Amino acid sequence: MGYRDYRPDVLQRLDLLRRSRVAGLTLAQIRDVLQVRDGGTAPCHHVQQLLSTGVDTLDRQIADLQALRHTVAELRDAATSVDAAHCDATTVCRYV
């Protein structure tokens, strides 16, 4: 009881969906991959393009995060050496 019986082709699609989400593909991109396959063509080239775009996006995000980390670390380091008695009373905080 409580179990569903899926056909092998449905299980393959569910597995593709799971693996594609883990790889960072959107549901719209997965739908496109399935449409290519359902159209009778192997979607390998399309998937390769999607994954290449994904890698490029991740590389940009990593670079942005590294730059942000550097900025935050500099602000933290500057803030640790401040004497609160000498802070400008007209500003909330000069470090953020």
PDB file of N, CA and C in Angstrom:
ATOM      1  N   MET A   1       0.829  -1.185   0.000  1.00  0.00           N
ATOM      2  CA  MET A   1       0.000   0.000   0.000  1.00  0.00           C
ATOM      3  C   MET A   1       0.870   1.244   0.000  1.00  0.00           C
ATOM      4  N   GLY A   2       0.374   2.279  -0.657  1.00  0.00           N
ATOM      5  CA  GLY A   2       1.072   3.545  -0.685  1.00  0.00           C
ATOM      6  C   GLY A   2       2.166   3.630  -1.736  1.00  0.00           C
ATOM      7  N   TYR A   3       2.366   2.571  -2.480  1.00  0.00           N
ATOM      8  CA  TYR A   3       3.393   2.579  -3.521  1.00  0.00           C
ATOM      9  C   TYR A   3       2.756   2.845  -4.869  1.00  0.00           C
ATOM     10  N   ARG A   4       3.494   3.534  -5.718  1.00  0.00           N
ATOM     11  CA  ARG A   4       3.032   3.762  -7.077  1.00  0.00           C
ATOM     12  C   ARG A   4       3.887   2.938  -8.007  1.00  0.00           C
ATOM     13  N   ASP A   5       3.257   2.446  -9.024  1.00  0.00           N
ATOM     14  CA  ASP A   5       3.973   1.683 -10.044  1.00  0.00           C
ATOM     15  C   ASP A   5       4.169   2.572 -11.261  1.00  0.00           C
ATOM     16  N   TYR A   6       5.433   2.894 -11.564  1.00  0.00           N
ATOM     17  CA  TYR A   6       5.741   3.734 -12.717  1.00  0.00           C
ATOM     18  C   TYR A   6       6.339   2.895 -13.831  1.00  0.00           C
ATOM     19  N   ARG A   7       6.016   3.283 -15.045  1.00  0.00           N
ATOM     20  CA  ARG A   7       6.630   2.631 -16.201  1.00  0.00           C
ATOM     21  C   ARG A   7       8.108   3.018 -16.246  1.00  0.00           C
ATOM     22  N   PRO A   8       8.947   2.171 -16.858  1.00  0.00           N
ATOM     23  CA  PRO A   8      10.386   2.479 -16.924  1.00  0.00           C
ATOM     24  C   PRO A   8      10.688   3.825 -17.585  1.00  0.00           C
ATOM     25  N   ASP A   9       9.938   4.221 -18.617  1.00  0.00           N
ATOM     26  CA  ASP A   9      10.209   5.500 -19.275  1.00  0.00           C
ATOM     27  C   ASP A   9       9.900   6.677 -18.352  1.00  0.00           C
ATOM     28  N   VAL A  10       8.885   6.525 -17.500  1.00  0.00           N
ATOM     29  CA  VAL A  10       8.557   7.578 -16.539  1.00  0.00           C
ATOM     30  C   VAL A  10       9.652   7.665 -15.484  1.00  0.00           C
ATOM     31  N   LEU A  11      10.146   6.532 -15.035  1.00  0.00           N
ATOM     32  CA  LEU A  11      11.238   6.516 -14.063  1.00  0.00           C
ATOM     33  C   LEU A  11      12.489   7.168 -14.637  1.00  0.00           C
ATOM     34  N   GLN A  12      12.766   6.931 -15.920  1.00  0.00           N
ATOM     35  CA  GLN A  12      13.913   7.562 -16.563  1.00  0.00           C
ATOM     36  C   GLN A  12      13.755   9.082 -16.582  1.00  0.00           C
ATOM     37  N   ARG A  13      12.555   9.558 -16.861  1.00  0.00           N
ATOM     38  CA  ARG A  13      12.313  11.005 -16.884  1.00  0.00           C
ATOM     39  C   ARG A  13      12.428  11.598 -15.482  1.00  0.00           C
ATOM     40  N   LEU A  14      11.923  10.893 -14.493  1.00  0.00           N
ATOM     41  CA  LEU A  14      12.051  11.377 -13.118  1.00  0.00           C
ATOM     42  C   LEU A  14      13.520  11.434 -12.708  1.00  0.00           C
ATOM     43  N   ASP A  15      14.297  10.433 -13.114  1.00  0.00           N
ATOM     44  CA  ASP A  15      15.717  10.430 -12.814  1.00  0.00           C
ATOM     45  C   ASP A  15      16.423  11.576 -13.540  1.00  0.00           C
ATOM     46  N   LEU A  16      16.052  11.810 -14.801  1.00  0.00           N
ATOM     47  CA  LEU A  16      16.614  12.934 -15.554  1.00  0.00           C
ATOM     48  C   LEU A  16      16.272  14.247 -14.850  1.00  0.00           C
ATOM     49  N   LEU A  17      15.045  14.382 -14.399  1.00  0.00           N
ATOM     50  CA  LEU A  17      14.621  15.589 -13.699  1.00  0.00           C
ATOM     51  C   LEU A  17      15.471  15.816 -12.450  1.00  0.00           C
ATOM     52  N   ARG A  18      15.648  14.784 -11.660  1.00  0.00           N
ATOM     53  CA  ARG A  18      16.438  14.887 -10.422  1.00  0.00           C
ATOM     54  C   ARG A  18      17.881  15.259 -10.737  1.00  0.00           C
ATOM     55  N   ARG A  19      18.504  14.551 -11.678  1.00  0.00           N
ATOM     56  CA  ARG A  19      19.911  14.819 -12.021  1.00  0.00           C
ATOM     57  C   ARG A  19      20.082  16.202 -12.626  1.00  0.00           C
ATOM     58  N   SER A  20      19.114  16.629 -13.424  1.00  0.00           N
ATOM     59  CA  SER A  20      19.186  17.945 -14.060  1.00  0.00           C
ATOM     60  C   SER A  20      19.075  19.061 -13.032  1.00  0.00           C
ATOM     61  N   ARG A  21      18.207  18.885 -12.055  1.00  0.00           N
ATOM     62  CA  ARG A  21      18.074  19.899 -10.999  1.00  0.00           C
ATOM     63  C   ARG A  21      19.359  19.979 -10.188  1.00  0.00           C
ATOM     64  N   VAL A  22      19.967  18.828  -9.895  1.00  0.00           N
ATOM     65  CA  VAL A  22      21.238  18.816  -9.171  1.00  0.00           C
ATOM     66  C   VAL A  22      22.311  19.553  -9.972  1.00  0.00           C
ATOM     67  N   ALA A  23      22.263  19.443 -11.288  1.00  0.00           N
ATOM     68  CA  ALA A  23      23.229  20.111 -12.165  1.00  0.00           C
ATOM     69  C   ALA A  23      22.913  21.591 -12.351  1.00  0.00           C
ATOM     70  N   GLY A  24      21.808  22.063 -11.768  1.00  0.00           N
ATOM     71  CA  GLY A  24      21.490  23.475 -11.821  1.00  0.00           C
ATOM     72  C   GLY A  24      20.584  23.899 -12.959  1.00  0.00           C
ATOM     73  N   LEU A  25      20.046  22.954 -13.709  1.00  0.00           N
ATOM     74  CA  LEU A  25      19.140  23.316 -14.793  1.00  0.00           C
ATOM     75  C   LEU A  25      17.784  23.720 -14.228  1.00  0.00           C
ATOM     76  N   THR A  26      17.160  24.672 -14.894  1.00  0.00           N
ATOM     77  CA  THR A  26      15.824  25.097 -14.494  1.00  0.00           C
ATOM     78  C   THR A  26      14.792  24.110 -15.055  1.00  0.00           C
ATOM     79  N   LEU A  27      13.590  24.200 -14.543  1.00  0.00           N
ATOM     80  CA  LEU A  27      12.528  23.338 -15.074  1.00  0.00           C
ATOM     81  C   LEU A  27      12.256  23.648 -16.538  1.00  0.00           C
ATOM     82  N   ALA A  28      12.351  24.914 -16.929  1.00  0.00           N
ATOM     83  CA  ALA A  28      12.156  25.289 -18.335  1.00  0.00           C
ATOM     84  C   ALA A  28      13.241  24.662 -19.214  1.00  0.00           C
ATOM     85  N   GLN A  29      14.469  24.666 -18.744  1.00  0.00           N
ATOM     86  CA  GLN A  29      15.558  24.051 -19.515  1.00  0.00           C
ATOM     87  C   GLN A  29      15.367  22.540 -19.624  1.00  0.00           C
ATOM     88  N   ILE A  30      14.919  21.926 -18.545  1.00  0.00           N
ATOM     89  CA  ILE A  30      14.668  20.481 -18.571  1.00  0.00           C
ATOM     90  C   ILE A  30      13.540  20.172 -19.547  1.00  0.00           C
ATOM     91  N   ARG A  31      12.509  20.989 -19.541  1.00  0.00           N
ATOM     92  CA  ARG A  31      11.418  20.814 -20.493  1.00  0.00           C
ATOM     93  C   ARG A  31      11.945  20.880 -21.924  1.00  0.00           C
ATOM     94  N   ASP A  32      12.836  21.832 -22.199  1.00  0.00           N
ATOM     95  CA  ASP A  32      13.423  21.958 -23.534  1.00  0.00           C
ATOM     96  C   ASP A  32      14.210  20.706 -23.916  1.00  0.00           C
ATOM     97  N   VAL A  33      14.960  20.171 -22.959  1.00  0.00           N
ATOM     98  CA  VAL A  33      15.728  18.946 -23.214  1.00  0.00           C
ATOM     99  C   VAL A  33      14.780  17.802 -23.570  1.00  0.00           C
ATOM    100  N   LEU A  34      13.708  17.679 -22.807  1.00  0.00           N
ATOM    101  CA  LEU A  34      12.731  16.625 -23.077  1.00  0.00           C
ATOM    102  C   LEU A  34      12.042  16.825 -24.421  1.00  0.00           C
ATOM    103  N   GLN A  35      11.790  18.075 -24.786  1.00  0.00           N
ATOM    104  CA  GLN A  35      11.174  18.341 -26.086  1.00  0.00           C
ATOM    105  C   GLN A  35      12.107  17.958 -27.228  1.00  0.00           C
ATOM    106  N   VAL A  36      13.386  18.222 -27.066  1.00  0.00           N
ATOM    107  CA  VAL A  36      14.361  17.817 -28.090  1.00  0.00           C
ATOM    108  C   VAL A  36      14.340  16.293 -28.226  1.00  0.00           C
ATOM    109  N   ARG A  37      14.370  15.601 -27.085  1.00  0.00           N
ATOM    110  CA  ARG A  37      14.354  14.128 -27.106  1.00  0.00           C
ATOM    111  C   ARG A  37      13.048  13.622 -27.699  1.00  0.00           C
ATOM    112  N   ASP A  38      11.934  14.200 -27.297  1.00  0.00           N
ATOM    113  CA  ASP A  38      10.635  13.764 -27.803  1.00  0.00           C
ATOM    114  C   ASP A  38      10.483  14.062 -29.295  1.00  0.00           C
ATOM    115  N   GLY A  39      11.267  15.012 -29.782  1.00  0.00           N
ATOM    116  CA  GLY A  39      11.258  15.317 -31.214  1.00  0.00           C
ATOM    117  C   GLY A  39      12.094  14.345 -32.030  1.00  0.00           C
ATOM    118  N   GLY A  40      12.704  13.385 -31.354  1.00  0.00           N
ATOM    119  CA  GLY A  40      13.448  12.352 -32.058  1.00  0.00           C
ATOM    120  C   GLY A  40      14.937  12.609 -32.179  1.00  0.00           C
ATOM    121  N   THR A  41      15.425  13.650 -31.522  1.00  0.00           N
ATOM    122  CA  THR A  41      16.845  13.984 -31.591  1.00  0.00           C
ATOM    123  C   THR A  41      17.482  13.796 -30.224  1.00  0.00           C
ATOM    124  N   ALA A  42      18.700  13.287 -30.214  1.00  0.00           N
ATOM    125  CA  ALA A  42      19.432  13.191 -28.952  1.00  0.00           C
ATOM    126  C   ALA A  42      19.775  14.602 -28.477  1.00  0.00           C
ATOM    127  N   PRO A  43      19.486  14.925 -27.220  1.00  0.00           N
ATOM    128  CA  PRO A  43      19.674  16.290 -26.731  1.00  0.00           C
ATOM    129  C   PRO A  43      21.087  16.586 -26.221  1.00  0.00           C
ATOM    130  N   CYS A  44      22.037  15.722 -26.523  1.00  0.00           N
ATOM    131  CA  CYS A  44      23.388  15.856 -25.957  1.00  0.00           C
ATOM    132  C   CYS A  44      24.000  17.229 -26.223  1.00  0.00           C
ATOM    133  N   HIS A  45      23.937  17.702 -27.458  1.00  0.00           N
ATOM    134  CA  HIS A  45      24.542  18.995 -27.791  1.00  0.00           C
ATOM    135  C   HIS A  45      23.829  20.118 -27.042  1.00  0.00           C
ATOM    136  N   HIS A  46      22.513  20.056 -26.983  1.00  0.00           N
ATOM    137  CA  HIS A  46      21.735  21.066 -26.266  1.00  0.00           C
ATOM    138  C   HIS A  46      22.107  21.066 -24.777  1.00  0.00           C
ATOM    139  N   VAL A  47      22.221  19.881 -24.192  1.00  0.00           N
ATOM    140  CA  VAL A  47      22.583  19.765 -22.782  1.00  0.00           C
ATOM    141  C   VAL A  47      23.994  20.315 -22.559  1.00  0.00           C
ATOM    142  N   GLN A  48      24.912  20.016 -23.478  1.00  0.00           N
ATOM    143  CA  GLN A  48      26.284  20.518 -23.349  1.00  0.00           C
ATOM    144  C   GLN A  48      26.286  22.042 -23.325  1.00  0.00           C
ATOM    145  N   GLN A  49      25.485  22.662 -24.184  1.00  0.00           N
ATOM    146  CA  GLN A  49      25.398  24.123 -24.203  1.00  0.00           C
ATOM    147  C   GLN A  49      24.817  24.660 -22.895  1.00  0.00           C
ATOM    148  N   LEU A  50      23.783  24.012 -22.390  1.00  0.00           N
ATOM    149  CA  LEU A  50      23.184  24.439 -21.129  1.00  0.00           C
ATOM    150  C   LEU A  50      24.188  24.328 -19.978  1.00  0.00           C
ATOM    151  N   LEU A  51      24.930  23.227 -19.951  1.00  0.00           N
ATOM    152  CA  LEU A  51      25.905  23.031 -18.879  1.00  0.00           C
ATOM    153  C   LEU A  51      27.067  24.011 -19.004  1.00  0.00           C
ATOM    154  N   SER A  52      27.488  24.318 -20.223  1.00  0.00           N
ATOM    155  CA  SER A  52      28.561  25.303 -20.424  1.00  0.00           C
ATOM    156  C   SER A  52      28.119  26.672 -19.924  1.00  0.00           C
ATOM    157  N   THR A  53      26.890  27.034 -20.241  1.00  0.00           N
ATOM    158  CA  THR A  53      26.349  28.302 -19.750  1.00  0.00           C
ATOM    159  C   THR A  53      26.287  28.291 -18.228  1.00  0.00           C
ATOM    160  N   GLY A  54      25.896  27.156 -17.667  1.00  0.00           N
ATOM    161  CA  GLY A  54      25.832  27.026 -16.212  1.00  0.00           C
ATOM    162  C   GLY A  54      27.190  27.185 -15.560  1.00  0.00           C
ATOM    163  N   VAL A  55      28.216  26.595 -16.158  1.00  0.00           N
ATOM    164  CA  VAL A  55      29.579  26.724 -15.622  1.00  0.00           C
ATOM    165  C   VAL A  55      30.024  28.181 -15.690  1.00  0.00           C
ATOM    166  N   ASP A  56      29.755  28.846 -16.809  1.00  0.00           N
ATOM    167  CA  ASP A  56      30.110  30.261 -16.948  1.00  0.00           C
ATOM    168  C   ASP A  56      29.410  31.115 -15.882  1.00  0.00           C
ATOM    169  N   THR A  57      28.147  30.838 -15.657  1.00  0.00           N
ATOM    170  CA  THR A  57      27.384  31.574 -14.639  1.00  0.00           C
ATOM    171  C   THR A  57      27.965  31.332 -13.254  1.00  0.00           C
ATOM    172  N   LEU A  58      28.279  30.089 -12.950  1.00  0.00           N
ATOM    173  CA  LEU A  58      28.879  29.773 -11.648  1.00  0.00           C
ATOM    174  C   LEU A  58      30.226  30.456 -11.478  1.00  0.00           C
ATOM    175  N   ASP A  59      31.037  30.471 -12.525  1.00  0.00           N
ATOM    176  CA  ASP A  59      32.341  31.135 -12.452  1.00  0.00           C
ATOM    177  C   ASP A  59      32.179  32.618 -12.140  1.00  0.00           C
ATOM    178  N   ARG A  60      31.203  33.276 -12.782  1.00  0.00           N
ATOM    179  CA  ARG A  60      30.951  34.696 -12.502  1.00  0.00           C
ATOM    180  C   ARG A  60      30.471  34.892 -11.068  1.00  0.00           C
ATOM    181  N   GLN A  61      29.577  34.015 -10.609  1.00  0.00           N
ATOM    182  CA  GLN A  61      29.064  34.137  -9.242  1.00  0.00           C
ATOM    183  C   GLN A  61      30.180  33.927  -8.225  1.00  0.00           C
ATOM    184  N   ILE A  62      31.046  32.964  -8.481  1.00  0.00           N
ATOM    185  CA  ILE A  62      32.175  32.704  -7.576  1.00  0.00           C
ATOM    186  C   ILE A  62      33.095  33.913  -7.533  1.00  0.00           C
ATOM    187  N   ALA A  63      33.398  34.489  -8.681  1.00  0.00           N
ATOM    188  CA  ALA A  63      34.259  35.682  -8.725  1.00  0.00           C
ATOM    189  C   ALA A  63      33.605  36.839  -7.972  1.00  0.00           C
ATOM    190  N   ASP A  64      32.303  37.020  -8.164  1.00  0.00           N
ATOM    191  CA  ASP A  64      31.591  38.082  -7.453  1.00  0.00           C
ATOM    192  C   ASP A  64      31.621  37.842  -5.944  1.00  0.00           C
ATOM    193  N   LEU A  65      31.423  36.598  -5.532  1.00  0.00           N
ATOM    194  CA  LEU A  65      31.448  36.278  -4.105  1.00  0.00           C
ATOM    195  C   LEU A  65      32.846  36.453  -3.516  1.00  0.00           C
ATOM    196  N   GLN A  66      33.879  36.109  -4.286  1.00  0.00           N
ATOM    197  CA  GLN A  66      35.245  36.309  -3.800  1.00  0.00           C
ATOM    198  C   GLN A  66      35.545  37.799  -3.626  1.00  0.00           C
ATOM    199  N   ALA A  67      35.082  38.611  -4.566  1.00  0.00           N
ATOM    200  CA  ALA A  67      35.274  40.054  -4.452  1.00  0.00           C
ATOM    201  C   ALA A  67      34.508  40.605  -3.247  1.00  0.00           C
ATOM    202  N   LEU A  68      33.283  40.146  -3.048  1.00  0.00           N
ATOM    203  CA  LEU A  68      32.494  40.569  -1.903  1.00  0.00           C
ATOM    204  C   LEU A  68      33.160  40.155  -0.601  1.00  0.00           C
ATOM    205  N   ARG A  69      33.669  38.935  -0.557  1.00  0.00           N
ATOM    206  CA  ARG A  69      34.350  38.455   0.644  1.00  0.00           C
ATOM    207  C   ARG A  69      35.547  39.333   0.963  1.00  0.00           C
ATOM    208  N   HIS A  70      36.307  39.688  -0.064  1.00  0.00           N
ATOM    209  CA  HIS A  70      37.475  40.544   0.125  1.00  0.00           C
ATOM    210  C   HIS A  70      37.047  41.898   0.712  1.00  0.00           C
ATOM    211  N   THR A  71      36.003  42.481   0.171  1.00  0.00           N
ATOM    212  CA  THR A  71      35.503  43.773   0.649  1.00  0.00           C
ATOM    213  C   THR A  71      35.040  43.679   2.101  1.00  0.00           C
ATOM    214  N   VAL A  72      34.276  42.643   2.413  1.00  0.00           N
ATOM    215  CA  VAL A  72      33.757  42.475   3.771  1.00  0.00           C
ATOM    216  C   VAL A  72      34.908  42.244   4.751  1.00  0.00           C
ATOM    217  N   ALA A  73      35.902  41.463   4.355  1.00  0.00           N
ATOM    218  CA  ALA A  73      37.057  41.218   5.228  1.00  0.00           C
ATOM    219  C   ALA A  73      37.823  42.513   5.488  1.00  0.00           C
ATOM    220  N   GLU A  74      37.969  43.349   4.463  1.00  0.00           N
ATOM    221  CA  GLU A  74      38.645  44.635   4.650  1.00  0.00           C
ATOM    222  C   GLU A  74      37.862  45.525   5.614  1.00  0.00           C
ATOM    223  N   LEU A  75      36.550  45.571   5.452  1.00  0.00           N
ATOM    224  CA  LEU A  75      35.721  46.364   6.355  1.00  0.00           C
ATOM    225  C   LEU A  75      35.807  45.839   7.786  1.00  0.00           C
ATOM    226  N   ARG A  76      35.766  44.528   7.927  1.00  0.00           N
ATOM    227  CA  ARG A  76      35.875  43.917   9.262  1.00  0.00           C
ATOM    228  C   ARG A  76      37.213  44.281   9.900  1.00  0.00           C
ATOM    229  N   ASP A  77      38.295  44.162   9.126  1.00  0.00           N
ATOM    230  CA  ASP A  77      39.616  44.463   9.663  1.00  0.00           C
ATOM    231  C   ASP A  77      39.715  45.933  10.074  1.00  0.00           C
ATOM    232  N   ALA A  78      39.155  46.818   9.258  1.00  0.00           N
ATOM    233  CA  ALA A  78      39.180  48.238   9.587  1.00  0.00           C
ATOM    234  C   ALA A  78      38.339  48.520  10.828  1.00  0.00           C
ATOM    235  N   ALA A  79      37.220  47.833  10.959  1.00  0.00           N
ATOM    236  CA  ALA A  79      36.322  48.065  12.088  1.00  0.00           C
ATOM    237  C   ALA A  79      36.906  47.561  13.400  1.00  0.00           C
ATOM    238  N   THR A  80      37.787  46.579  13.357  1.00  0.00           N
ATOM    239  CA  THR A  80      38.350  46.042  14.605  1.00  0.00           C
ATOM    240  C   THR A  80      39.367  46.992  15.226  1.00  0.00           C
ATOM    241  N   SER A  81      39.893  47.903  14.425  1.00  0.00           N
ATOM    242  CA  SER A  81      40.917  48.809  14.957  1.00  0.00           C
ATOM    243  C   SER A  81      40.354  50.168  15.362  1.00  0.00           C
ATOM    244  N   VAL A  82      39.060  50.331  15.340  1.00  0.00           N
ATOM    245  CA  VAL A  82      38.460  51.632  15.639  1.00  0.00           C
ATOM    246  C   VAL A  82      38.210  51.774  17.146  1.00  0.00           C
ATOM    247  N   ASP A  83      38.361  52.990  17.603  1.00  0.00           N
ATOM    248  CA  ASP A  83      38.040  53.322  18.989  1.00  0.00           C
ATOM    249  C   ASP A  83      36.666  53.991  18.965  1.00  0.00           C
ATOM    250  N   ALA A  84      35.697  53.370  19.564  1.00  0.00           N
ATOM    251  CA  ALA A  84      34.323  53.872  19.528  1.00  0.00           C
ATOM    252  C   ALA A  84      34.218  55.288  20.079  1.00  0.00           C
ATOM    253  N   ALA A  85      35.119  55.673  20.942  1.00  0.00           N
ATOM    254  CA  ALA A  85      35.078  57.019  21.516  1.00  0.00           C
ATOM    255  C   ALA A  85      35.379  58.082  20.463  1.00  0.00           C
ATOM    256  N   HIS A  86      36.033  57.689  19.368  1.00  0.00           N
ATOM    257  CA  HIS A  86      36.394  58.641  18.324  1.00  0.00           C
ATOM    258  C   HIS A  86      35.491  58.558  17.090  1.00  0.00           C
ATOM    259  N   CYS A  87      34.379  57.858  17.193  1.00  0.00           N
ATOM    260  CA  CYS A  87      33.455  57.734  16.052  1.00  0.00           C
ATOM    261  C   CYS A  87      32.686  59.037  15.867  1.00  0.00           C
ATOM    262  N   ASP A  88      32.416  59.371  14.630  1.00  0.00           N
ATOM    263  CA  ASP A  88      31.639  60.564  14.284  1.00  0.00           C
ATOM    264  C   ASP A  88      30.180  60.338  14.701  1.00  0.00           C
ATOM    265  N   ALA A  89      29.696  61.193  15.581  1.00  0.00           N
ATOM    266  CA  ALA A  89      28.343  61.035  16.111  1.00  0.00           C
ATOM    267  C   ALA A  89      27.268  61.338  15.077  1.00  0.00           C
ATOM    268  N   THR A  90      27.633  61.947  13.939  1.00  0.00           N
ATOM    269  CA  THR A  90      26.626  62.275  12.930  1.00  0.00           C
ATOM    270  C   THR A  90      26.378  61.138  11.955  1.00  0.00           C
ATOM    271  N   THR A  91      27.171  60.065  12.037  1.00  0.00           N
ATOM    272  CA  THR A  91      26.972  58.902  11.170  1.00  0.00           C
ATOM    273  C   THR A  91      26.626  57.696  12.014  1.00  0.00           C
ATOM    274  N   VAL A  92      25.916  56.769  11.437  1.00  0.00           N
ATOM    275  CA  VAL A  92      25.563  55.554  12.167  1.00  0.00           C
ATOM    276  C   VAL A  92      26.802  54.673  12.304  1.00  0.00           C
ATOM    277  N   CYS A  93      27.431  54.362  11.177  1.00  0.00           N
ATOM    278  CA  CYS A  93      28.659  53.584  11.176  1.00  0.00           C
ATOM    279  C   CYS A  93      29.364  53.809   9.851  1.00  0.00           C
ATOM    280  N   ARG A  94      30.627  54.114   9.892  1.00  0.00           N
ATOM    281  CA  ARG A  94      31.340  54.403   8.645  1.00  0.00           C
ATOM    282  C   ARG A  94      31.794  53.140   7.921  1.00  0.00           C
ATOM    283  N   TYR A  95      31.590  51.979   8.499  1.00  0.00           N
ATOM    284  CA  TYR A  95      32.085  50.745   7.892  1.00  0.00           C
ATOM    285  C   TYR A  95      31.045  49.997   7.060  1.00  0.00           C
ATOM    286  N   VAL A  96      29.813  50.378   7.171  1.00  0.00           N
ATOM    287  CA  VAL A  96      28.776  49.740   6.345  1.00  0.00           C
ATOM    288  C   VAL A  96      27.887  50.782   5.709  1.00  0.00           C
TER     289      VAL A  96
END
